[in-house]
Amino acid sequence: MADVKGQWSSWLSVLATDRTRVGTLRLTEVMHAARVTVAVVISWWIAELAGLSSAPYMASLACLLYMQPSVYESFTRAVQRLVGVVLGVGLGVAVFTITGVNALVVGLVVFVGILAATVLRLGPGGSVQIAVSGLIVLAITTANPGYPGQRILETMLGVGVGLAVVTVTAPPTVGPAERAAASLLSQAVLVLSTLGQGLAQGWSPGSAEMITEHARELRDLSDEARVSIERASESLRFNPRGRSARQSLTQARLKVETLHPVSRRAMTTVNVLNEGTGETAPMPILSQLLTESARVIDAYGAWCDSPADVETRRGVDAHLAAADKAWSAASTAVEERWKERPERWLRFGMLLPLCGLVTTQVRRGLDSGLM
């Protein structure tokens, strides 16, 4: 039984990836379409067996309109739709009973329905559902007096079936977030290492062009990683299989939160460096500082992946100590050499706060209580 459960979890994790494709479609998109289809068919069958209707379109429509890739979003949309249907049916029945149907009554139902949805903040899943349900009740109740109750029951059935299907089949999608965090960390190491290499050889227009491209990609990766983290977080909410993936998401989130400020500062620093791209002499002390900062990020990434590994933590601490020593040496050296050269301070001095931010952010991450 345990083996079957493990195989099932492995299969679902494969389906959760956004890289596998079927033609031009992601496999996750195909599986979501299949998930909705299964819920639609099951809700139709159950409604027929329960005698709700010979053609229970509303039960199937409820699945189609609110089911989303994640359990949390599906639940939110389902609640919005169910509340909208119940209130809309009540509104339609009340108005129909009192006044009958005419153009002004239709307008009144729409007006009240939209305002009620706005006041209740029903969101995209229920923004017009009150008005729509009220109008449908006005249109059908004359020919089918039992329709209002039937619509509520079918909607509840569709909501229940859809939630059951999405809860059982929707996998946590943490893989994209993990890959995005890993890419961000690798790019941060690349940016600092490339900066260090450029200063070791002497800054040049060629160095400026290359590092600008790397820094721009780092900034973009940081923004994309944050989006991926939020999507993964949403996929775990209300998901019974989410517990096993929460540690991985926490580790990925820590990398992104630590490096996001660094990515922004790196882009600003590179822009300042490139304001004057003339040739400069090698700067070995600043080069060493940037190299040590890159090693700190690399070691920190290894610790995030294995926070319980004592040796990994010692490695981060050792690199932090080396980076602190390099920062002190660089600060002393540039102060002595650039006392009378403010243009150098304004340009290359920006590297000191960048490297200081790296060590500050990493220490903050280490103290975050990941273990």
Protein backbone atom coordinates (compact mmCIF):
# COMPACT_ATOMS: atom_id res chain seq x y z
CA MET A 1 0.00 0.00 0.00
CA ALA A 2 2.83 2.37 0.85
CA ASP A 3 4.48 1.60 -2.50
CA VAL A 4 1.27 2.39 -4.36
CA LYS A 5 0.91 5.65 -2.46
CA GLY A 6 4.50 6.57 -3.25
CA GLN A 7 4.04 5.82 -6.94
CA TRP A 8 0.87 7.90 -6.97
CA SER A 9 2.67 10.85 -5.33
CA SER A 10 5.54 10.56 -7.80
CA TRP A 11 3.12 10.51 -10.72
CA LEU A 12 1.34 13.59 -9.43
CA SER A 13 4.64 15.41 -8.94
CA VAL A 14 5.46 14.78 -12.60
CA LEU A 15 2.10 16.23 -13.59
CA ALA A 16 2.78 19.26 -11.42
CA THR A 17 5.76 20.35 -13.50
CA ASP A 18 5.29 23.18 -15.97
CA ARG A 19 7.95 21.85 -18.35
CA THR A 20 6.25 18.74 -19.69
CA ARG A 21 4.22 19.51 -22.80
CA VAL A 22 1.61 17.86 -24.98
CA GLY A 23 2.08 19.57 -28.33
CA THR A 24 1.90 23.31 -27.63
CA LEU A 25 0.11 22.81 -24.31
CA ARG A 26 1.65 22.31 -20.89
CA LEU A 27 0.74 19.00 -19.34
CA THR A 28 -0.64 20.89 -16.33
CA GLU A 29 -3.08 22.66 -18.66
CA VAL A 30 -4.19 19.37 -20.20
CA MET A 31 -4.66 17.83 -16.74
CA HIS A 32 -6.72 20.80 -15.55
CA ALA A 33 -9.01 20.42 -18.56
CA ALA A 34 -9.34 16.70 -17.81
CA ARG A 35 -10.03 17.44 -14.13
CA VAL A 36 -12.86 19.84 -15.00
CA THR A 37 -14.28 17.37 -17.52
CA VAL A 38 -14.37 14.56 -14.96
CA ALA A 39 -16.14 16.81 -12.44
CA VAL A 40 -18.69 17.92 -15.05
CA VAL A 41 -19.53 14.33 -16.01
CA ILE A 42 -19.73 13.09 -12.41
CA SER A 43 -21.96 15.98 -11.32
CA TRP A 44 -24.30 15.30 -14.27
CA TRP A 45 -24.54 11.60 -13.40
CA ILE A 46 -25.21 12.24 -9.71
CA ALA A 47 -27.85 14.87 -10.49
CA GLU A 48 -29.61 12.43 -12.81
CA LEU A 49 -29.48 9.61 -10.25
CA ALA A 50 -30.80 11.96 -7.55
CA GLY A 51 -33.70 12.94 -9.79
CA LEU A 52 -32.87 16.63 -9.73
CA SER A 53 -33.33 16.95 -13.48
CA SER A 54 -33.23 14.95 -16.70
CA ALA A 55 -30.75 17.53 -18.03
CA PRO A 56 -28.83 18.96 -15.03
CA TYR A 57 -26.85 21.58 -16.88
CA MET A 58 -26.53 23.81 -13.83
CA ALA A 59 -24.68 21.15 -11.83
CA SER A 60 -22.14 20.73 -14.60
CA LEU A 61 -21.98 24.49 -15.24
CA ALA A 62 -21.05 25.11 -11.61
CA CYS A 63 -17.95 22.91 -12.05
CA LEU A 64 -17.04 24.57 -15.32
CA LEU A 65 -17.29 28.13 -13.99
CA TYR A 66 -15.41 27.91 -10.71
CA MET A 67 -12.86 25.08 -10.90
CA GLN A 68 -9.28 26.41 -10.95
CA PRO A 69 -5.85 24.70 -10.96
CA SER A 70 -5.42 25.12 -7.18
CA VAL A 71 -7.62 23.89 -4.33
CA TYR A 72 -7.62 27.30 -2.64
CA GLU A 73 -8.67 29.26 -5.70
CA SER A 74 -11.33 26.67 -6.56
CA PHE A 75 -12.71 26.87 -3.02
CA THR A 76 -12.77 30.68 -3.13
CA ARG A 77 -14.54 30.76 -6.49
CA ALA A 78 -16.98 28.06 -5.37
CA VAL A 79 -18.00 30.02 -2.27
CA GLN A 80 -18.42 33.18 -4.32
CA ARG A 81 -20.56 31.41 -6.88
CA LEU A 82 -22.69 29.58 -4.33
CA VAL A 83 -23.38 32.76 -2.37
CA GLY A 84 -24.18 34.58 -5.61
CA VAL A 85 -26.59 31.87 -6.76
CA VAL A 86 -28.45 31.65 -3.45
CA LEU A 87 -28.83 35.43 -3.16
CA GLY A 88 -29.70 35.81 -6.83
CA VAL A 89 -32.37 33.11 -6.71
CA GLY A 90 -33.82 34.67 -3.57
CA LEU A 91 -33.87 38.09 -5.20
CA GLY A 92 -35.48 36.76 -8.37
CA VAL A 93 -38.16 34.80 -6.50
CA ALA A 94 -39.00 37.78 -4.27
CA VAL A 95 -39.31 40.21 -7.18
CA PHE A 96 -41.25 37.72 -9.33
CA THR A 97 -43.70 36.99 -6.51
CA ILE A 98 -44.35 40.66 -5.81
CA THR A 99 -44.33 42.32 -9.24
CA GLY A 100 -44.14 39.80 -12.05
CA VAL A 101 -41.76 40.41 -14.97
CA ASN A 102 -41.28 43.53 -17.09
CA ALA A 103 -38.40 45.68 -18.32
CA LEU A 104 -38.20 47.78 -15.16
CA VAL A 105 -38.17 44.67 -12.97
CA VAL A 106 -35.33 43.19 -15.00
CA GLY A 107 -33.38 46.42 -14.60
CA LEU A 108 -34.06 46.44 -10.86
CA VAL A 109 -32.76 42.87 -10.45
CA VAL A 110 -29.58 43.67 -12.37
CA PHE A 111 -28.98 46.90 -10.42
CA VAL A 112 -29.54 45.36 -7.00
CA GLY A 113 -27.61 42.20 -7.90
CA ILE A 114 -24.49 44.05 -9.04
CA LEU A 115 -24.52 46.37 -6.03
CA ALA A 116 -24.99 43.45 -3.63
CA ALA A 117 -22.05 41.57 -5.18
CA THR A 118 -19.90 44.69 -4.86
CA VAL A 119 -20.83 45.26 -1.22
CA LEU A 120 -20.18 41.60 -0.39
CA ARG A 121 -16.90 41.65 -2.34
CA LEU A 122 -17.71 38.42 -4.12
CA GLY A 123 -14.81 38.89 -6.52
CA PRO A 124 -14.53 37.58 -10.10
CA GLY A 125 -16.37 34.36 -9.24
CA GLY A 126 -19.51 36.15 -8.07
CA SER A 127 -19.37 39.72 -9.37
CA VAL A 128 -22.43 39.28 -11.59
CA GLN A 129 -23.69 35.95 -10.29
CA ILE A 130 -26.47 37.49 -8.17
CA ALA A 131 -27.80 39.43 -11.14
CA VAL A 132 -27.43 36.49 -13.54
CA SER A 133 -29.21 34.05 -11.22
CA GLY A 134 -31.98 36.56 -10.57
CA LEU A 135 -32.53 37.09 -14.30
CA ILE A 136 -32.58 33.36 -15.04
CA VAL A 137 -35.13 32.83 -12.27
CA LEU A 138 -37.31 35.57 -13.76
CA ALA A 139 -37.04 33.97 -17.18
CA ILE A 140 -37.78 30.35 -16.22
CA THR A 141 -39.95 30.42 -13.11
CA THR A 142 -43.14 31.14 -15.09
CA ALA A 143 -42.78 27.91 -17.06
CA ASN A 144 -41.11 25.90 -14.27
CA PRO A 145 -42.12 26.98 -10.74
CA GLY A 146 -39.70 24.49 -9.19
CA TYR A 147 -36.68 25.93 -10.99
CA PRO A 148 -35.33 28.19 -8.17
CA GLY A 149 -34.89 25.27 -5.75
CA GLN A 150 -33.54 23.07 -8.53
CA ARG A 151 -30.92 25.67 -9.47
CA ILE A 152 -29.66 25.95 -5.90
CA LEU A 153 -29.49 22.18 -5.43
CA GLU A 154 -27.69 21.61 -8.74
CA THR A 155 -25.22 24.38 -7.99
CA MET A 156 -24.49 22.90 -4.56
CA LEU A 157 -24.01 19.50 -6.16
CA GLY A 158 -21.63 20.88 -8.78
CA VAL A 159 -19.69 22.78 -6.12
CA GLY A 160 -19.34 19.68 -3.96
CA VAL A 161 -18.26 17.37 -6.79
CA GLY A 162 -15.83 19.91 -8.21
CA LEU A 163 -14.18 20.54 -4.85
CA ALA A 164 -13.85 16.82 -4.23
CA VAL A 165 -12.23 16.25 -7.64
CA VAL A 166 -9.80 19.16 -7.39
CA THR A 167 -8.85 18.26 -3.80
CA VAL A 168 -8.03 14.68 -4.73
CA THR A 169 -6.26 15.37 -8.04
CA ALA A 170 -4.69 18.85 -7.90
CA PRO A 171 -0.99 18.38 -7.01
CA PRO A 172 1.14 20.96 -5.16
CA THR A 173 3.15 22.89 -7.77
CA VAL A 174 6.34 23.69 -5.89
CA GLY A 175 8.76 22.56 -8.62
CA PRO A 176 8.61 25.78 -10.66
CA ALA A 177 9.28 27.85 -7.53
CA GLU A 178 12.27 25.70 -6.58
CA ARG A 179 13.75 26.03 -10.06
CA ALA A 180 13.13 29.78 -10.12
CA ALA A 181 14.86 30.21 -6.76
CA ALA A 182 17.82 28.10 -7.89
CA SER A 183 18.15 30.12 -11.11
CA LEU A 184 18.03 33.37 -9.14
CA LEU A 185 20.78 32.21 -6.80
CA SER A 186 23.00 31.04 -9.67
CA GLN A 187 22.52 34.35 -11.47
CA ALA A 188 23.40 36.33 -8.34
CA VAL A 189 26.63 34.36 -8.03
CA LEU A 190 27.34 34.99 -11.71
CA VAL A 191 26.78 38.75 -11.42
CA LEU A 192 29.11 39.16 -8.43
CA SER A 193 31.73 36.84 -9.88
CA THR A 194 31.69 38.63 -13.21
CA LEU A 195 32.00 41.98 -11.49
CA GLY A 196 34.96 40.64 -9.54
CA GLN A 197 36.63 39.35 -12.69
CA GLY A 198 36.06 42.64 -14.46
CA LEU A 199 37.70 44.62 -11.67
CA ALA A 200 40.60 42.17 -11.44
CA GLN A 201 41.43 42.84 -15.10
CA GLY A 202 40.54 46.53 -15.09
CA TRP A 203 37.11 47.97 -15.86
CA SER A 204 36.35 48.49 -19.53
CA PRO A 205 33.40 49.24 -21.85
CA GLY A 206 33.30 45.53 -22.69
CA SER A 207 32.99 44.64 -19.01
CA ALA A 208 30.23 47.20 -18.61
CA GLU A 209 28.15 45.79 -21.47
CA MET A 210 28.44 42.20 -20.29
CA ILE A 211 27.69 42.86 -16.63
CA THR A 212 24.71 45.06 -17.50
CA GLU A 213 23.09 42.17 -19.32
CA HIS A 214 23.76 39.82 -16.39
CA ALA A 215 22.38 42.32 -13.87
CA ARG A 216 19.24 42.91 -15.93
CA GLU A 217 18.62 39.18 -16.11
CA LEU A 218 19.14 38.92 -12.33
CA ARG A 219 16.50 41.59 -11.72
CA ASP A 220 14.02 39.87 -14.05
CA LEU A 221 14.67 36.47 -12.49
CA SER A 222 14.02 37.93 -9.06
CA ASP A 223 10.62 39.26 -10.13
CA GLU A 224 9.70 35.98 -11.82
CA ALA A 225 10.81 33.97 -8.80
CA ARG A 226 8.58 35.97 -6.49
CA VAL A 227 5.60 35.28 -8.73
CA SER A 228 6.47 31.57 -8.79
CA ILE A 229 6.70 31.49 -5.00
CA GLU A 230 3.24 33.01 -4.63
CA ARG A 231 1.74 30.59 -7.13
CA ALA A 232 3.29 27.66 -5.31
CA SER A 233 2.07 28.99 -1.98
CA GLU A 234 -1.47 29.21 -3.33
CA SER A 235 -1.27 25.65 -4.67
CA LEU A 236 -0.56 24.40 -1.11
CA ARG A 237 -3.42 26.22 0.61
CA PHE A 238 -6.26 23.83 1.55
CA ASN A 239 -4.37 21.07 -0.31
CA PRO A 240 -4.20 17.90 1.82
CA ARG A 241 -0.98 16.85 0.05
CA GLY A 242 0.65 20.20 0.60
CA ARG A 243 2.28 19.37 3.92
CA SER A 244 5.11 17.37 2.37
CA ALA A 245 5.96 20.21 0.00
CA ARG A 246 5.91 23.08 2.50
CA GLN A 247 9.53 22.61 3.59
CA SER A 248 10.71 22.81 -0.02
CA LEU A 249 8.67 25.95 -0.58
CA THR A 250 10.04 27.52 2.61
CA GLN A 251 13.60 26.88 1.42
CA ALA A 252 12.87 28.35 -2.02
CA ARG A 253 11.11 31.37 -0.50
CA LEU A 254 14.08 32.05 1.78
CA LYS A 255 16.44 32.17 -1.21
CA VAL A 256 14.17 34.58 -3.07
CA GLU A 257 13.48 36.87 -0.10
CA THR A 258 17.19 37.04 0.67
CA LEU A 259 18.29 37.81 -2.87
CA HIS A 260 15.51 40.12 -4.05
CA PRO A 261 17.01 43.25 -2.38
CA VAL A 262 20.45 42.20 -3.65
CA SER A 263 19.15 41.98 -7.22
CA ARG A 264 17.75 45.51 -7.01
CA ARG A 265 20.95 46.94 -5.52
CA ALA A 266 23.07 45.11 -8.09
CA MET A 267 21.15 46.70 -10.97
CA THR A 268 21.54 50.16 -9.42
CA THR A 269 25.24 49.60 -8.79
CA VAL A 270 25.91 48.43 -12.33
CA ASN A 271 24.09 51.45 -13.75
CA VAL A 272 26.32 53.74 -11.68
CA LEU A 273 29.46 51.88 -12.76
CA ASN A 274 28.47 52.30 -16.39
CA GLU A 275 27.96 56.06 -16.21
CA GLY A 276 31.59 56.34 -17.19
CA THR A 277 32.92 53.33 -19.04
CA GLY A 278 36.48 54.39 -19.68
CA GLU A 279 39.37 52.03 -19.03
CA THR A 280 40.56 51.70 -15.43
CA ALA A 281 43.45 49.96 -13.75
CA PRO A 282 42.85 46.60 -12.05
CA MET A 283 41.29 46.77 -8.57
CA PRO A 284 42.33 43.50 -6.90
CA ILE A 285 41.04 44.37 -3.43
CA LEU A 286 37.51 45.17 -4.66
CA SER A 287 37.71 42.14 -6.92
CA GLN A 288 38.46 39.93 -3.91
CA LEU A 289 35.51 41.42 -2.01
CA LEU A 290 33.10 40.64 -4.83
CA THR A 291 34.48 37.12 -5.21
CA GLU A 292 34.02 36.45 -1.49
CA SER A 293 30.47 37.83 -1.66
CA ALA A 294 29.67 35.48 -4.52
CA ARG A 295 30.98 32.56 -2.45
CA VAL A 296 28.75 33.62 0.45
CA ILE A 297 25.66 33.42 -1.78
CA ASP A 298 26.72 30.07 -3.20
CA ALA A 299 27.28 28.61 0.28
CA TYR A 300 24.01 30.10 1.50
CA GLY A 301 22.14 28.35 -1.31
CA ALA A 302 23.65 25.03 -0.23
CA TRP A 303 22.55 25.71 3.35
CA CYS A 304 18.98 26.52 2.26
CA ASP A 305 18.85 23.15 0.51
CA SER A 306 20.19 21.30 3.59
CA PRO A 307 19.57 23.49 6.66
CA ALA A 308 20.12 20.61 9.09
CA ASP A 309 23.63 19.91 7.76
CA VAL A 310 26.07 21.27 10.34
CA GLU A 311 29.00 21.31 7.91
CA THR A 312 27.00 23.33 5.40
CA ARG A 313 26.23 25.93 8.04
CA ARG A 314 29.88 26.09 9.04
CA GLY A 315 30.75 26.66 5.40
CA VAL A 316 28.42 29.67 5.24
CA ASP A 317 29.87 31.09 8.46
CA ALA A 318 33.42 30.66 7.14
CA HIS A 319 32.60 32.47 3.91
CA LEU A 320 30.82 35.24 5.82
CA ALA A 321 33.94 35.73 7.95
CA ALA A 322 36.09 35.89 4.80
CA ALA A 323 33.68 38.39 3.21
CA ASP A 324 33.73 40.58 6.33
CA LYS A 325 37.54 40.57 6.29
CA ALA A 326 37.60 41.44 2.59
CA TRP A 327 35.05 44.25 3.16
CA SER A 328 37.18 45.80 5.92
CA ALA A 329 40.30 45.61 3.74
CA ALA A 330 38.51 47.12 0.75
CA SER A 331 36.94 49.90 2.83
CA THR A 332 40.30 50.87 4.29
CA ALA A 333 42.06 50.73 0.94
CA VAL A 334 39.58 52.81 -1.03
CA GLU A 335 39.40 55.41 1.72
CA GLU A 336 43.16 55.83 1.63
CA ARG A 337 43.44 55.88 -2.17
CA TRP A 338 40.35 57.92 -3.07
CA LYS A 339 40.40 60.66 -0.45
CA GLU A 340 40.90 63.25 -3.11
CA ARG A 341 38.94 61.46 -5.87
CA PRO A 342 35.22 61.77 -5.12
CA GLU A 343 34.33 60.60 -8.63
CA ARG A 344 35.84 57.21 -7.78
CA TRP A 345 33.86 57.07 -4.54
CA LEU A 346 30.64 57.87 -6.35
CA ARG A 347 31.28 55.22 -8.96
CA PHE A 348 33.19 52.26 -7.56
CA GLY A 349 32.38 52.98 -3.92
CA MET A 350 28.86 51.65 -4.65
CA LEU A 351 30.35 48.16 -4.57
CA LEU A 352 30.91 48.36 -0.81
CA PRO A 353 27.22 48.72 0.17
CA LEU A 354 26.29 46.05 -2.40
CA CYS A 355 28.61 43.52 -0.77
CA GLY A 356 27.54 44.66 2.68
CA LEU A 357 23.91 44.04 1.70
CA VAL A 358 24.80 40.50 0.63
CA THR A 359 26.22 39.57 4.03
CA THR A 360 23.39 41.35 5.87
CA GLN A 361 20.70 39.53 3.91
CA VAL A 362 22.40 36.17 4.28
CA ARG A 363 22.74 36.58 8.04
CA ARG A 364 19.09 37.53 8.20
CA GLY A 365 18.22 34.39 6.29
CA LEU A 366 20.34 32.24 8.60
CA ASP A 367 18.50 33.70 11.60
CA SER A 368 15.05 33.12 10.06
CA GLY A 369 14.50 29.85 11.88
CA LEU A 370 14.35 27.63 8.79
CA MET A 371 15.31 24.59 10.88
